[in-house]
Amino acid sequence: MTGHAEAVTRARAIAGSVPDPELPMLTLADLGVLRDVVAVGEHLQVSLTPTYLGCPALREMGQDVCRRLAAAGFDDVEVRTVLSPPWTTDWITGEGRRKLADAGIAPPHPAPRRAAGPVPLTLTLERPQVACPNCGSSRTAQVSAFGATACRALYRCSTCAEPFEYVKEI
């Protein structure tokens, strides 16, 4: 690769522009799953972190990254899965949060802060207030803990009566 730094920058932009298969309004960069792009000689290593362990879209993301990079002239590409540290919804960019809201999906609240070690179990009936992405009303109610994917919940707005999804904070 001529211009090593320029090639890596270009490859990162290409990989980052791949749409998420489950939330196609977001790119992998918007979602924060594109962890790293490095070149070792002519070999390109792209690291992705799944939104959760067992994410069914991870394989498709990797294939899409390889396909787009090959079309751009990067012939030797390896996609690696990086699990540590685990992905958090805090990695969704501001642009990504705006795109979610524009698509009628409520972006996640900040993820809860946890200390290192075992995760404490907290039982509560209280849920964070989720504003309607359509009209902005805070008069919303959860209809189902699961939406189209396990990382989303279904809500309904009492003001505009529209259903919408909420990306759960992790």
Foldseek 3Di string as FASTA:
>chain_A
DPPQVVLQVVLCVQLQQCAQPVHRLHGQQQQQQFDGWHDDDLAIETEGEDQDPPPPRPVVSQVSSQVRVVVVPSPHYDYHYDPPPHDWLVSRDPVSQVSCLVVFEHEEDAADDDDPDDDDDDDDPDDDQTAGSPPRDSQKDWPACDDPHNQKTWMAHPPVRDIGIYGYTD
